[in-house]
Amino acid sequence: MEPQADLSVALPPGKPATAHDGSPVLWISDGPAPEGLWARLRAAHPESGWWPLLLTSMAGEDGDRPWESGELSPPAPEAARDHDVAEVLAKAWRDSTQVDEEYRDLVPEQRLAVTAPHGVEWPGLAPRTPLTADPGEAADRSAAWLARRPNPRLGLVRAASGAQALSVIGWQGAVNHGLDVTVLSAVLADWEERFGTRLVMVGFDTLALSTASVVADREQAARVAAEHFALCPDNVWQGTGSLDSYADSLVGDETWSFWWD
């Protein structure tokens, strides 16, 4: 795995990162990503075929997790089937609004307040919205902002898009929520089309996307927030505390962040 052979952009020192079976699934820099390099690699992607990622990690006995610890597990080719995103998110919404032991202290009225204005009713997919920026330029701005976090490394994945890259590397960050990586990739691919998103940063259990369709008002934000909650309920349950507050945070934001406990 030598991406430099396909690139006119110079890379810092790095090496292949392997999956649990020892197969190389991405290239990763030894040190922090040089300033501005993500954007140059993103611009080169149509010709090179290598999608860039900013990579954060969790320290562990086997090195930075999951990039050096063998905690990547690409799906078998037969698992890469089409997923109906509307059905996937509707089911995830139902799962995320059920009463379970973790939130047994909330009475039904309190739980309904958490997911207001939708309650337990899945509102359906948010409508496609006009782009407010060029998707590539929006991704570059998000990458420049996200790169300010402590020492993100650079990753390169042989993939047609960021959505596909997640499956290529076999990311397992949402496994505690029972989300197969092919399902995540399907949702991200759909968001690429509807909202001009691009996958920019991946961590042990976090993702950050840029969006070129910035939410402009609360009505639109409420619909988009419902999709985010269905995919990643921890953003609300262990974050803002209510879908209403989460929707407020989306208005005018060019970067969407997700965290799975």
Protein backbone atom coordinates (compact mmCIF):
# COMPACT_ATOMS: atom_id res chain seq x y z
CA MET A 1 0.00 0.00 0.00
CA GLU A 2 1.95 2.97 -1.36
CA PRO A 3 -0.34 5.93 -2.12
CA GLN A 4 2.60 8.16 -2.99
CA ALA A 5 2.90 6.38 -6.34
CA ASP A 6 -0.54 7.76 -7.31
CA LEU A 7 -0.02 11.27 -5.94
CA SER A 8 1.78 14.39 -7.07
CA VAL A 9 1.33 15.71 -3.51
CA ALA A 10 4.23 14.83 -1.20
CA LEU A 11 3.33 12.76 1.86
CA PRO A 12 4.94 12.79 5.30
CA PRO A 13 6.47 9.56 6.65
CA GLY A 14 3.87 6.87 7.25
CA LYS A 15 2.95 3.22 6.94
CA PRO A 16 0.05 0.85 6.23
CA ALA A 17 -2.46 0.19 9.00
CA THR A 18 -3.94 -3.27 9.11
CA ALA A 19 -7.25 -4.88 9.95
CA HIS A 20 -7.69 -7.66 12.52
CA ASP A 21 -6.66 -10.25 9.92
CA GLY A 22 -3.44 -8.44 9.08
CA SER A 23 -4.58 -7.08 5.72
CA PRO A 24 -3.66 -3.44 4.99
CA VAL A 25 -6.75 -1.23 4.79
CA LEU A 26 -5.34 2.30 4.89
CA TRP A 27 -2.15 4.31 4.96
CA ILE A 28 -1.50 6.39 8.09
CA SER A 29 1.06 9.08 8.82
CA ASP A 30 3.54 8.58 11.63
CA GLY A 31 2.94 12.05 13.04
CA PRO A 32 0.34 14.82 12.92
CA ALA A 33 -1.15 15.80 9.56
CA PRO A 34 0.76 18.76 8.08
CA GLU A 35 -1.29 21.94 7.83
CA GLY A 36 -3.27 22.22 4.58
CA LEU A 37 -2.35 18.75 3.32
CA TRP A 38 -5.87 17.32 3.75
CA ALA A 39 -7.28 19.89 1.33
CA ARG A 40 -4.59 19.21 -1.28
CA LEU A 41 -5.22 15.48 -1.07
CA ARG A 42 -8.98 15.98 -1.26
CA ALA A 43 -8.52 18.02 -4.44
CA ALA A 44 -6.32 15.25 -5.88
CA HIS A 45 -8.78 12.47 -5.01
CA PRO A 46 -10.62 12.33 -8.37
CA GLU A 47 -7.33 11.42 -10.08
CA SER A 48 -5.55 9.54 -7.29
CA GLY A 49 -8.44 7.49 -5.89
CA TRP A 50 -7.17 8.02 -2.31
CA TRP A 51 -9.66 9.63 0.09
CA PRO A 52 -7.99 11.60 2.93
CA LEU A 53 -9.08 11.38 6.56
CA LEU A 54 -7.98 13.13 9.70
CA LEU A 55 -7.55 10.42 12.33
CA THR A 56 -7.84 10.74 16.09
CA SER A 57 -7.34 7.83 18.43
CA MET A 58 -7.56 6.32 21.89
CA ALA A 59 -4.36 5.25 23.59
CA GLY A 60 -4.02 1.55 24.38
CA GLU A 61 -1.51 -1.18 25.12
CA ASP A 62 -1.36 -2.11 21.44
CA GLY A 63 -0.81 1.45 20.21
CA ASP A 64 -3.24 4.08 19.03
CA ARG A 65 -6.71 2.54 18.83
CA PRO A 66 -8.11 1.50 16.45
CA TRP A 67 -5.44 2.33 13.87
CA GLU A 68 -2.58 0.30 15.35
CA SER A 69 -4.46 -2.24 17.46
CA GLY A 70 -6.12 -4.42 14.83
CA GLU A 71 -9.63 -3.18 15.69
CA LEU A 72 -10.68 -2.70 12.08
CA SER A 73 -12.85 -5.31 10.39
CA PRO A 74 -13.83 -4.78 6.74
CA PRO A 75 -17.10 -6.52 5.85
CA ALA A 76 -17.13 -9.51 3.53
CA PRO A 77 -17.89 -8.58 -0.10
CA GLU A 78 -21.31 -10.21 0.08
CA ALA A 79 -22.25 -7.91 3.00
CA ALA A 80 -21.92 -4.83 0.81
CA ARG A 81 -25.54 -4.81 -0.28
CA ASP A 82 -27.88 -1.91 -0.87
CA HIS A 83 -29.59 -0.49 2.20
CA ASP A 84 -32.82 1.50 2.12
CA VAL A 85 -31.77 4.55 4.10
CA ALA A 86 -35.35 5.58 4.89
CA GLU A 87 -36.03 2.15 6.38
CA VAL A 88 -32.67 2.04 8.18
CA LEU A 89 -33.23 5.40 9.90
CA ALA A 90 -36.88 4.68 10.68
CA LYS A 91 -35.87 1.48 12.48
CA ALA A 92 -33.00 3.23 14.24
CA TRP A 93 -35.41 5.95 15.39
CA ARG A 94 -37.76 3.35 16.86
CA ASP A 95 -34.84 1.66 18.63
CA SER A 96 -33.56 4.98 19.97
CA THR A 97 -36.91 6.11 21.38
CA GLN A 98 -37.71 2.90 23.25
CA VAL A 99 -37.69 2.82 27.03
CA ASP A 100 -34.73 0.83 28.31
CA GLU A 101 -32.95 0.33 31.64
CA GLU A 102 -30.44 3.10 31.06
CA TYR A 103 -33.22 5.70 30.99
CA ARG A 104 -35.73 3.96 33.26
CA ASP A 105 -35.77 7.01 35.56
CA LEU A 106 -37.51 9.05 32.86
CA VAL A 107 -41.28 8.90 32.84
CA PRO A 108 -42.98 8.78 29.41
CA GLU A 109 -43.69 12.51 29.43
CA GLN A 110 -40.00 13.24 30.00
CA ARG A 111 -38.96 10.93 27.18
CA LEU A 112 -41.41 12.58 24.81
CA ALA A 113 -39.91 15.93 25.76
CA VAL A 114 -36.43 14.70 24.82
CA THR A 115 -37.48 14.00 21.24
CA ALA A 116 -39.91 16.90 20.84
CA PRO A 117 -41.33 18.06 18.51
CA HIS A 118 -41.47 14.55 17.03
CA GLY A 119 -42.15 12.51 20.17
CA VAL A 120 -41.91 8.82 19.24
CA GLU A 121 -43.20 9.33 15.68
CA TRP A 122 -40.54 9.05 12.99
CA PRO A 123 -40.92 12.21 10.86
CA GLY A 124 -39.34 10.68 7.77
CA LEU A 125 -36.28 11.79 5.89
CA ALA A 126 -35.51 15.48 5.74
CA PRO A 127 -36.04 16.95 2.28
CA ARG A 128 -33.07 17.57 0.02
CA THR A 129 -31.89 21.13 0.52
CA PRO A 130 -30.03 23.46 -1.85
CA LEU A 131 -26.27 23.60 -1.49
CA THR A 132 -24.98 26.70 0.24
CA ALA A 133 -21.35 26.07 -0.76
CA ASP A 134 -19.18 23.89 -2.95
CA PRO A 135 -18.91 20.51 -1.13
CA GLY A 136 -15.16 20.31 -1.59
CA GLU A 137 -14.54 23.82 -0.32
CA ALA A 138 -16.82 23.22 2.66
CA ALA A 139 -14.88 20.04 3.43
CA ASP A 140 -11.58 21.93 3.26
CA ARG A 141 -12.84 24.51 5.76
CA SER A 142 -14.05 21.80 8.13
CA ALA A 143 -10.74 19.98 7.82
CA ALA A 144 -8.79 23.15 8.63
CA TRP A 145 -10.93 23.65 11.75
CA LEU A 146 -10.82 20.00 12.86
CA ALA A 147 -7.06 19.85 12.36
CA ARG A 148 -6.70 22.23 15.32
CA ARG A 149 -7.53 19.34 17.63
CA PRO A 150 -4.49 17.78 19.31
CA ASN A 151 -2.31 15.93 16.81
CA PRO A 152 -4.72 14.33 14.32
CA ARG A 153 -2.86 11.99 11.99
CA LEU A 154 -3.43 11.73 8.27
CA GLY A 155 -5.06 8.67 6.76
CA LEU A 156 -5.50 7.70 3.11
CA VAL A 157 -8.03 5.12 1.94
CA ARG A 158 -8.41 3.71 -1.57
CA ALA A 159 -12.10 4.57 -1.97
CA ALA A 160 -14.47 6.42 -4.26
CA SER A 161 -15.75 8.59 -1.42
CA GLY A 162 -15.55 9.15 2.31
CA ALA A 163 -18.74 7.13 2.77
CA GLN A 164 -17.17 4.16 1.01
CA ALA A 165 -13.89 4.65 2.90
CA LEU A 166 -15.62 3.85 6.18
CA SER A 167 -16.50 0.36 4.93
CA VAL A 168 -13.14 -0.17 3.23
CA ILE A 169 -11.34 0.26 6.56
CA GLY A 170 -14.01 -1.68 8.48
CA TRP A 171 -14.56 0.99 11.15
CA GLN A 172 -16.24 -0.43 14.26
CA GLY A 173 -16.88 2.74 16.28
CA ALA A 174 -20.66 2.37 16.41
CA VAL A 175 -20.72 -1.38 17.08
CA ASN A 176 -22.06 -0.87 20.61
CA HIS A 177 -25.24 0.45 19.01
CA GLY A 178 -25.48 -2.51 16.67
CA LEU A 179 -24.72 -0.39 13.61
CA ASP A 180 -23.01 -2.36 10.86
CA VAL A 181 -20.41 -0.32 8.99
CA THR A 182 -22.17 -0.99 5.68
CA VAL A 183 -25.29 0.65 7.12
CA LEU A 184 -23.28 3.67 8.24
CA SER A 185 -21.69 3.92 4.81
CA ALA A 186 -25.12 3.80 3.16
CA VAL A 187 -26.41 6.64 5.32
CA LEU A 188 -23.29 8.73 4.71
CA ALA A 189 -23.55 8.13 0.96
CA ASP A 190 -27.16 9.31 1.05
CA TRP A 191 -26.15 12.42 3.00
CA GLU A 192 -23.43 13.10 0.45
CA GLU A 193 -26.18 13.34 -2.16
CA ARG A 194 -28.83 15.18 -0.13
CA PHE A 195 -26.68 17.51 1.99
CA GLY A 196 -23.32 17.68 0.23
CA THR A 197 -21.56 16.06 3.20
CA ARG A 198 -18.00 14.75 3.15
CA LEU A 199 -16.35 12.51 5.73
CA VAL A 200 -13.40 14.47 7.16
CA MET A 201 -12.39 13.02 10.53
CA VAL A 202 -12.64 9.55 12.10
CA GLY A 203 -11.80 8.60 15.67
CA PHE A 204 -12.13 5.50 17.81
CA ASP A 205 -15.88 6.09 18.21
CA THR A 206 -16.38 9.49 16.56
CA LEU A 207 -17.03 10.86 13.08
CA ALA A 208 -17.00 14.42 11.75
CA LEU A 209 -18.54 15.43 8.43
CA SER A 210 -18.62 18.68 6.56
CA THR A 211 -21.88 19.80 5.00
CA ALA A 212 -22.34 22.04 1.98
CA SER A 213 -26.05 22.42 2.78
CA VAL A 214 -25.95 24.42 5.99
CA VAL A 215 -29.21 24.32 7.95
CA ALA A 216 -30.74 27.79 7.82
CA ASP A 217 -33.85 27.63 10.03
CA ARG A 218 -35.37 25.72 12.95
CA GLU A 219 -37.94 23.83 10.87
CA GLN A 220 -35.26 22.36 8.64
CA ALA A 221 -32.99 21.79 11.64
CA ALA A 222 -35.67 19.73 13.42
CA ARG A 223 -35.93 17.35 10.46
CA VAL A 224 -32.17 16.97 10.05
CA ALA A 225 -31.73 16.55 13.81
CA ALA A 226 -34.15 13.61 13.75
CA GLU A 227 -31.90 11.79 11.27
CA HIS A 228 -28.84 12.52 13.41
CA PHE A 229 -30.62 11.23 16.52
CA ALA A 230 -31.71 8.05 14.74
CA LEU A 231 -28.15 7.33 13.64
CA CYS A 232 -26.38 8.57 16.78
CA PRO A 233 -28.69 8.96 19.82
CA ASP A 234 -25.72 9.64 22.13
CA ASN A 235 -25.45 13.10 20.57
CA VAL A 236 -28.68 13.87 22.42
CA TRP A 237 -28.94 11.39 25.31
CA GLN A 238 -25.41 12.12 26.47
CA GLY A 239 -25.01 15.49 24.78
CA THR A 240 -27.57 18.27 24.45
CA GLY A 241 -30.25 16.44 26.48
CA SER A 242 -33.02 17.20 24.01
CA LEU A 243 -33.56 17.01 20.28
CA ASP A 244 -34.80 20.59 20.35
CA SER A 245 -31.50 21.86 21.76
CA TYR A 246 -29.57 19.68 19.32
CA ALA A 247 -31.52 21.17 16.39
CA ASP A 248 -30.54 24.64 17.59
CA SER A 249 -26.88 23.62 17.43
CA LEU A 250 -27.21 22.62 13.77
CA VAL A 251 -28.37 26.01 12.50
CA GLY A 252 -25.51 27.64 10.61
CA ASP A 253 -23.05 24.82 11.40
CA GLU A 254 -20.84 23.56 8.56
CA THR A 255 -19.48 20.58 10.53
CA TRP A 256 -21.55 17.68 11.90
CA SER A 257 -20.00 15.61 14.69
CA PHE A 258 -21.09 12.20 16.02
CA TRP A 259 -20.10 10.17 19.05
CA TRP A 260 -21.14 6.65 20.01
CA ASP A 261 -20.61 5.52 23.60
